[in-house]
Amino acid sequence: MEPSKRGRHSTFSSAIDAAFKELTTEHNAFFDSLADEWKRVFPTLPARPGRYEDGNIVLYVKNPPTLYMMRMKLGVIRNKLAELPGAPKSINLKLEIRSS
């Protein structure tokens, strides 16, 4: 574990959970930069990047009505993401409901 992250867990169980998550999380340079720049690129969009999984960028929304509305905007989002530096040739987006 990185030295800067040591001591951030109050219990051994939370440290194990964080370590397991780090091992099973798929990393992608484009997604990492997108997560950092999301609010600048999409300031009013009611979705946020959640994770990168199996070549898909998973966007989190808060509820089913928002998910329905976001489905209609996926093409616009995909086109705008394709314009960003380092964007892959193919951008696959998925939506997922996450209240937190």
N, C-alpha and C. Protein backbone atom coordinates (compact mmCIF):
# COMPACT_ATOMS: atom_id res chain seq x y z
N MET A 1 0.85 -1.18 0.00
CA MET A 1 0.00 0.00 0.00
C MET A 1 0.90 1.23 0.00
N GLU A 2 0.46 2.27 -0.68
CA GLU A 2 1.23 3.50 -0.75
C GLU A 2 1.38 4.12 0.63
N PRO A 3 2.56 4.67 0.93
CA PRO A 3 2.76 5.29 2.25
C PRO A 3 1.77 6.39 2.57
N SER A 4 1.34 7.13 1.56
CA SER A 4 0.40 8.23 1.82
C SER A 4 -0.97 7.74 2.26
N LYS A 5 -1.28 6.47 2.00
CA LYS A 5 -2.59 5.93 2.35
C LYS A 5 -2.58 5.14 3.66
N ARG A 6 -1.43 4.98 4.25
CA ARG A 6 -1.34 4.24 5.51
C ARG A 6 -2.03 5.01 6.62
N GLY A 7 -2.64 4.28 7.51
CA GLY A 7 -3.27 4.91 8.66
C GLY A 7 -4.63 5.52 8.40
N ARG A 8 -5.20 5.32 7.24
CA ARG A 8 -6.50 5.93 6.95
C ARG A 8 -7.67 5.05 7.35
N HIS A 9 -7.38 3.84 7.83
CA HIS A 9 -8.44 2.90 8.19
C HIS A 9 -8.54 2.77 9.70
N SER A 10 -9.75 2.77 10.20
CA SER A 10 -9.95 2.67 11.64
C SER A 10 -9.97 1.21 12.11
N THR A 11 -10.26 0.28 11.18
CA THR A 11 -10.29 -1.13 11.57
C THR A 11 -9.52 -1.96 10.54
N PHE A 12 -9.13 -3.13 10.97
CA PHE A 12 -8.44 -4.05 10.08
C PHE A 12 -9.36 -4.47 8.93
N SER A 13 -10.62 -4.65 9.25
CA SER A 13 -11.60 -5.05 8.24
C SER A 13 -11.72 -4.01 7.13
N SER A 14 -11.75 -2.74 7.48
CA SER A 14 -11.86 -1.71 6.45
C SER A 14 -10.59 -1.65 5.61
N ALA A 15 -9.44 -1.94 6.21
CA ALA A 15 -8.18 -1.98 5.46
C ALA A 15 -8.19 -3.13 4.46
N ILE A 16 -8.69 -4.28 4.87
CA ILE A 16 -8.79 -5.45 3.98
C ILE A 16 -9.76 -5.15 2.84
N ASP A 17 -10.90 -4.55 3.15
CA ASP A 17 -11.88 -4.20 2.12
C ASP A 17 -11.28 -3.25 1.09
N ALA A 18 -10.55 -2.24 1.55
CA ALA A 18 -9.92 -1.28 0.64
C ALA A 18 -8.86 -1.94 -0.23
N ALA A 19 -8.07 -2.84 0.37
CA ALA A 19 -7.03 -3.54 -0.38
C ALA A 19 -7.67 -4.44 -1.45
N PHE A 20 -8.74 -5.13 -1.10
CA PHE A 20 -9.43 -6.00 -2.06
C PHE A 20 -10.01 -5.18 -3.21
N LYS A 21 -10.59 -4.03 -2.87
CA LYS A 21 -11.16 -3.17 -3.91
C LYS A 21 -10.07 -2.69 -4.86
N GLU A 22 -8.92 -2.33 -4.31
CA GLU A 22 -7.81 -1.85 -5.14
C GLU A 22 -7.33 -2.96 -6.09
N LEU A 23 -7.31 -4.19 -5.61
CA LEU A 23 -6.87 -5.31 -6.45
C LEU A 23 -7.86 -5.65 -7.55
N THR A 24 -9.14 -5.47 -7.28
CA THR A 24 -10.16 -5.87 -8.25
C THR A 24 -10.65 -4.73 -9.13
N THR A 25 -10.19 -3.53 -8.87
CA THR A 25 -10.61 -2.38 -9.68
C THR A 25 -9.75 -2.30 -10.93
N GLU A 26 -10.42 -2.20 -12.05
CA GLU A 26 -9.73 -2.08 -13.34
C GLU A 26 -9.35 -0.61 -13.53
N HIS A 27 -8.08 -0.36 -13.84
CA HIS A 27 -7.61 1.01 -14.02
C HIS A 27 -7.47 1.33 -15.51
N ASN A 28 -7.79 2.57 -15.84
CA ASN A 28 -7.70 3.04 -17.20
C ASN A 28 -7.33 4.52 -17.13
N ALA A 29 -6.26 4.91 -17.82
CA ALA A 29 -5.76 6.28 -17.75
C ALA A 29 -6.82 7.29 -18.21
N PHE A 30 -7.53 6.98 -19.28
CA PHE A 30 -8.56 7.91 -19.77
C PHE A 30 -9.67 8.08 -18.73
N PHE A 31 -10.12 6.97 -18.14
CA PHE A 31 -11.17 7.05 -17.13
C PHE A 31 -10.70 7.85 -15.92
N ASP A 32 -9.48 7.62 -15.48
CA ASP A 32 -8.96 8.35 -14.32
C ASP A 32 -8.95 9.86 -14.58
N SER A 33 -8.52 10.27 -15.77
CA SER A 33 -8.52 11.71 -16.09
C SER A 33 -9.95 12.22 -16.23
N LEU A 34 -10.84 11.41 -16.77
CA LEU A 34 -12.24 11.79 -16.92
C LEU A 34 -12.88 12.00 -15.56
N ALA A 35 -12.60 11.13 -14.61
CA ALA A 35 -13.18 11.27 -13.28
C ALA A 35 -12.74 12.59 -12.64
N ASP A 36 -11.51 12.99 -12.89
CA ASP A 36 -11.00 14.25 -12.34
C ASP A 36 -11.62 15.47 -13.02
N GLU A 37 -11.92 15.37 -14.31
CA GLU A 37 -12.40 16.52 -15.09
C GLU A 37 -13.91 16.52 -15.34
N TRP A 38 -14.63 15.57 -14.80
CA TRP A 38 -16.04 15.39 -15.12
C TRP A 38 -16.86 16.66 -14.92
N LYS A 39 -16.75 17.29 -13.77
CA LYS A 39 -17.56 18.48 -13.47
C LYS A 39 -17.22 19.65 -14.38
N ARG A 40 -16.01 19.71 -14.89
CA ARG A 40 -15.65 20.78 -15.81
C ARG A 40 -16.26 20.51 -17.19
N VAL A 41 -16.24 19.26 -17.62
CA VAL A 41 -16.75 18.89 -18.95
C VAL A 41 -18.28 18.85 -18.97
N PHE A 42 -18.87 18.31 -17.90
CA PHE A 42 -20.33 18.17 -17.81
C PHE A 42 -20.84 18.78 -16.50
N PRO A 43 -20.83 20.10 -16.38
CA PRO A 43 -21.16 20.73 -15.09
C PRO A 43 -22.60 20.52 -14.61
N THR A 44 -23.53 20.32 -15.52
CA THR A 44 -24.94 20.21 -15.10
C THR A 44 -25.52 18.81 -15.28
N LEU A 45 -24.72 17.88 -15.69
CA LEU A 45 -25.21 16.53 -15.95
C LEU A 45 -25.47 15.78 -14.64
N PRO A 46 -26.66 15.18 -14.48
CA PRO A 46 -26.98 14.48 -13.24
C PRO A 46 -26.44 13.05 -13.20
N ALA A 47 -25.23 12.89 -13.66
CA ALA A 47 -24.56 11.59 -13.62
C ALA A 47 -23.11 11.84 -13.28
N ARG A 48 -22.43 10.80 -12.82
CA ARG A 48 -21.01 10.93 -12.53
C ARG A 48 -20.32 9.62 -12.90
N PRO A 49 -19.06 9.69 -13.26
CA PRO A 49 -18.35 8.46 -13.58
C PRO A 49 -18.19 7.60 -12.33
N GLY A 50 -18.57 6.35 -12.44
CA GLY A 50 -18.50 5.46 -11.28
C GLY A 50 -17.32 4.53 -11.31
N ARG A 51 -17.16 3.85 -12.44
CA ARG A 51 -16.04 2.90 -12.55
C ARG A 51 -15.82 2.56 -14.02
N TYR A 52 -14.67 1.95 -14.25
CA TYR A 52 -14.33 1.45 -15.58
C TYR A 52 -14.30 -0.06 -15.46
N GLU A 53 -15.09 -0.74 -16.31
CA GLU A 53 -15.23 -2.19 -16.16
C GLU A 53 -15.42 -2.84 -17.53
N ASP A 54 -14.55 -3.77 -17.85
CA ASP A 54 -14.65 -4.53 -19.10
C ASP A 54 -14.77 -3.64 -20.33
N GLY A 55 -14.03 -2.54 -20.36
CA GLY A 55 -14.06 -1.63 -21.50
C GLY A 55 -15.22 -0.66 -21.50
N ASN A 56 -16.01 -0.65 -20.45
CA ASN A 56 -17.17 0.25 -20.35
C ASN A 56 -16.94 1.30 -19.27
N ILE A 57 -17.34 2.50 -19.57
CA ILE A 57 -17.38 3.55 -18.56
C ILE A 57 -18.78 3.49 -17.96
N VAL A 58 -18.84 3.20 -16.67
CA VAL A 58 -20.12 3.09 -15.98
C VAL A 58 -20.41 4.43 -15.31
N LEU A 59 -21.54 5.01 -15.69
CA LEU A 59 -21.98 6.27 -15.10
C LEU A 59 -23.04 6.00 -14.05
N TYR A 60 -22.88 6.62 -12.89
CA TYR A 60 -23.84 6.46 -11.81
C TYR A 60 -24.88 7.57 -11.86
N VAL A 61 -26.14 7.19 -11.69
CA VAL A 61 -27.24 8.14 -11.56
C VAL A 61 -27.98 7.81 -10.27
N LYS A 62 -28.78 8.75 -9.78
CA LYS A 62 -29.40 8.58 -8.46
C LYS A 62 -30.70 7.77 -8.45
N ASN A 63 -31.45 7.78 -9.56
CA ASN A 63 -32.76 7.12 -9.52
C ASN A 63 -33.20 6.72 -10.93
N PRO A 64 -34.26 5.89 -11.03
CA PRO A 64 -34.74 5.45 -12.34
C PRO A 64 -35.16 6.56 -13.30
N PRO A 65 -35.87 7.62 -12.84
CA PRO A 65 -36.21 8.68 -13.80
C PRO A 65 -34.97 9.34 -14.41
N THR A 66 -33.94 9.53 -13.60
CA THR A 66 -32.71 10.13 -14.11
C THR A 66 -32.04 9.18 -15.09
N LEU A 67 -32.07 7.89 -14.79
CA LEU A 67 -31.50 6.90 -15.70
C LEU A 67 -32.21 6.96 -17.05
N TYR A 68 -33.53 7.04 -17.03
CA TYR A 68 -34.30 7.12 -18.26
C TYR A 68 -33.92 8.36 -19.07
N MET A 69 -33.81 9.51 -18.38
CA MET A 69 -33.45 10.74 -19.06
C MET A 69 -32.03 10.67 -19.64
N MET A 70 -31.13 10.06 -18.90
CA MET A 70 -29.73 9.98 -19.32
C MET A 70 -29.56 9.07 -20.53
N ARG A 71 -30.40 8.08 -20.69
CA ARG A 71 -30.30 7.20 -21.86
C ARG A 71 -30.37 8.00 -23.16
N MET A 72 -31.20 9.02 -23.17
CA MET A 72 -31.35 9.84 -24.38
C MET A 72 -30.13 10.72 -24.64
N LYS A 73 -29.31 10.93 -23.62
CA LYS A 73 -28.15 11.81 -23.75
C LYS A 73 -26.84 11.05 -23.97
N LEU A 74 -26.88 9.73 -23.99
CA LEU A 74 -25.65 8.95 -24.11
C LEU A 74 -24.87 9.25 -25.39
N GLY A 75 -25.56 9.47 -26.49
CA GLY A 75 -24.88 9.78 -27.75
C GLY A 75 -24.12 11.10 -27.67
N VAL A 76 -24.73 12.11 -27.08
CA VAL A 76 -24.08 13.41 -26.92
C VAL A 76 -22.87 13.28 -25.99
N ILE A 77 -23.04 12.55 -24.90
CA ILE A 77 -21.94 12.34 -23.95
C ILE A 77 -20.79 11.61 -24.65
N ARG A 78 -21.12 10.57 -25.38
CA ARG A 78 -20.09 9.78 -26.08
C ARG A 78 -19.31 10.66 -27.06
N ASN A 79 -20.02 11.51 -27.81
CA ASN A 79 -19.35 12.40 -28.78
C ASN A 79 -18.44 13.40 -28.09
N LYS A 80 -18.89 13.95 -26.97
CA LYS A 80 -18.08 14.92 -26.24
C LYS A 80 -16.85 14.23 -25.62
N LEU A 81 -17.02 13.02 -25.13
CA LEU A 81 -15.88 12.29 -24.57
C LEU A 81 -14.86 11.95 -25.64
N ALA A 82 -15.32 11.65 -26.84
CA ALA A 82 -14.42 11.30 -27.95
C ALA A 82 -13.52 12.47 -28.33
N GLU A 83 -13.93 13.69 -28.02
CA GLU A 83 -13.13 14.87 -28.33
C GLU A 83 -12.02 15.14 -27.32
N LEU A 84 -12.09 14.48 -26.17
CA LEU A 84 -11.10 14.72 -25.12
C LEU A 84 -9.75 14.08 -25.46
N PRO A 85 -8.66 14.69 -24.99
CA PRO A 85 -7.33 14.11 -25.26
C PRO A 85 -7.21 12.71 -24.63
N GLY A 86 -6.63 11.81 -25.38
CA GLY A 86 -6.41 10.45 -24.89
C GLY A 86 -7.62 9.54 -24.96
N ALA A 87 -8.70 10.01 -25.59
CA ALA A 87 -9.92 9.21 -25.68
C ALA A 87 -9.68 7.97 -26.53
N PRO A 88 -10.23 6.83 -26.11
CA PRO A 88 -10.11 5.62 -26.93
C PRO A 88 -10.95 5.74 -28.21
N LYS A 89 -10.66 4.88 -29.17
CA LYS A 89 -11.42 4.91 -30.44
C LYS A 89 -12.89 4.59 -30.22
N SER A 90 -13.15 3.67 -29.32
CA SER A 90 -14.51 3.27 -29.03
C SER A 90 -14.83 3.58 -27.57
N ILE A 91 -15.89 4.32 -27.35
CA ILE A 91 -16.31 4.66 -25.99
C ILE A 91 -17.65 3.98 -25.72
N ASN A 92 -17.66 3.08 -24.77
CA ASN A 92 -18.87 2.37 -24.39
C ASN A 92 -19.34 2.89 -23.04
N LEU A 93 -20.58 3.32 -22.98
CA LEU A 93 -21.14 3.86 -21.75
C LEU A 93 -22.26 2.96 -21.23
N LYS A 94 -22.30 2.81 -19.92
CA LYS A 94 -23.39 2.09 -19.26
C LYS A 94 -23.89 2.97 -18.13
N LEU A 95 -25.14 2.83 -17.80
CA LEU A 95 -25.73 3.57 -16.68
C LEU A 95 -26.06 2.61 -15.56
N GLU A 96 -25.91 3.09 -14.33
CA GLU A 96 -26.21 2.28 -13.17
C GLU A 96 -26.77 3.18 -12.08
N ILE A 97 -27.77 2.70 -11.39
CA ILE A 97 -28.38 3.48 -10.31
C ILE A 97 -27.56 3.27 -9.04
N ARG A 98 -27.09 4.37 -8.48
CA ARG A 98 -26.35 4.38 -7.21
C ARG A 98 -26.81 5.59 -6.44
N SER A 99 -27.45 5.40 -5.32
CA SER A 99 -27.97 6.54 -4.57
C SER A 99 -26.89 7.30 -3.81
N SER A 100 -25.76 6.66 -3.54
CA SER A 100 -24.71 7.38 -2.79
C SER A 100 -23.63 7.88 -3.67
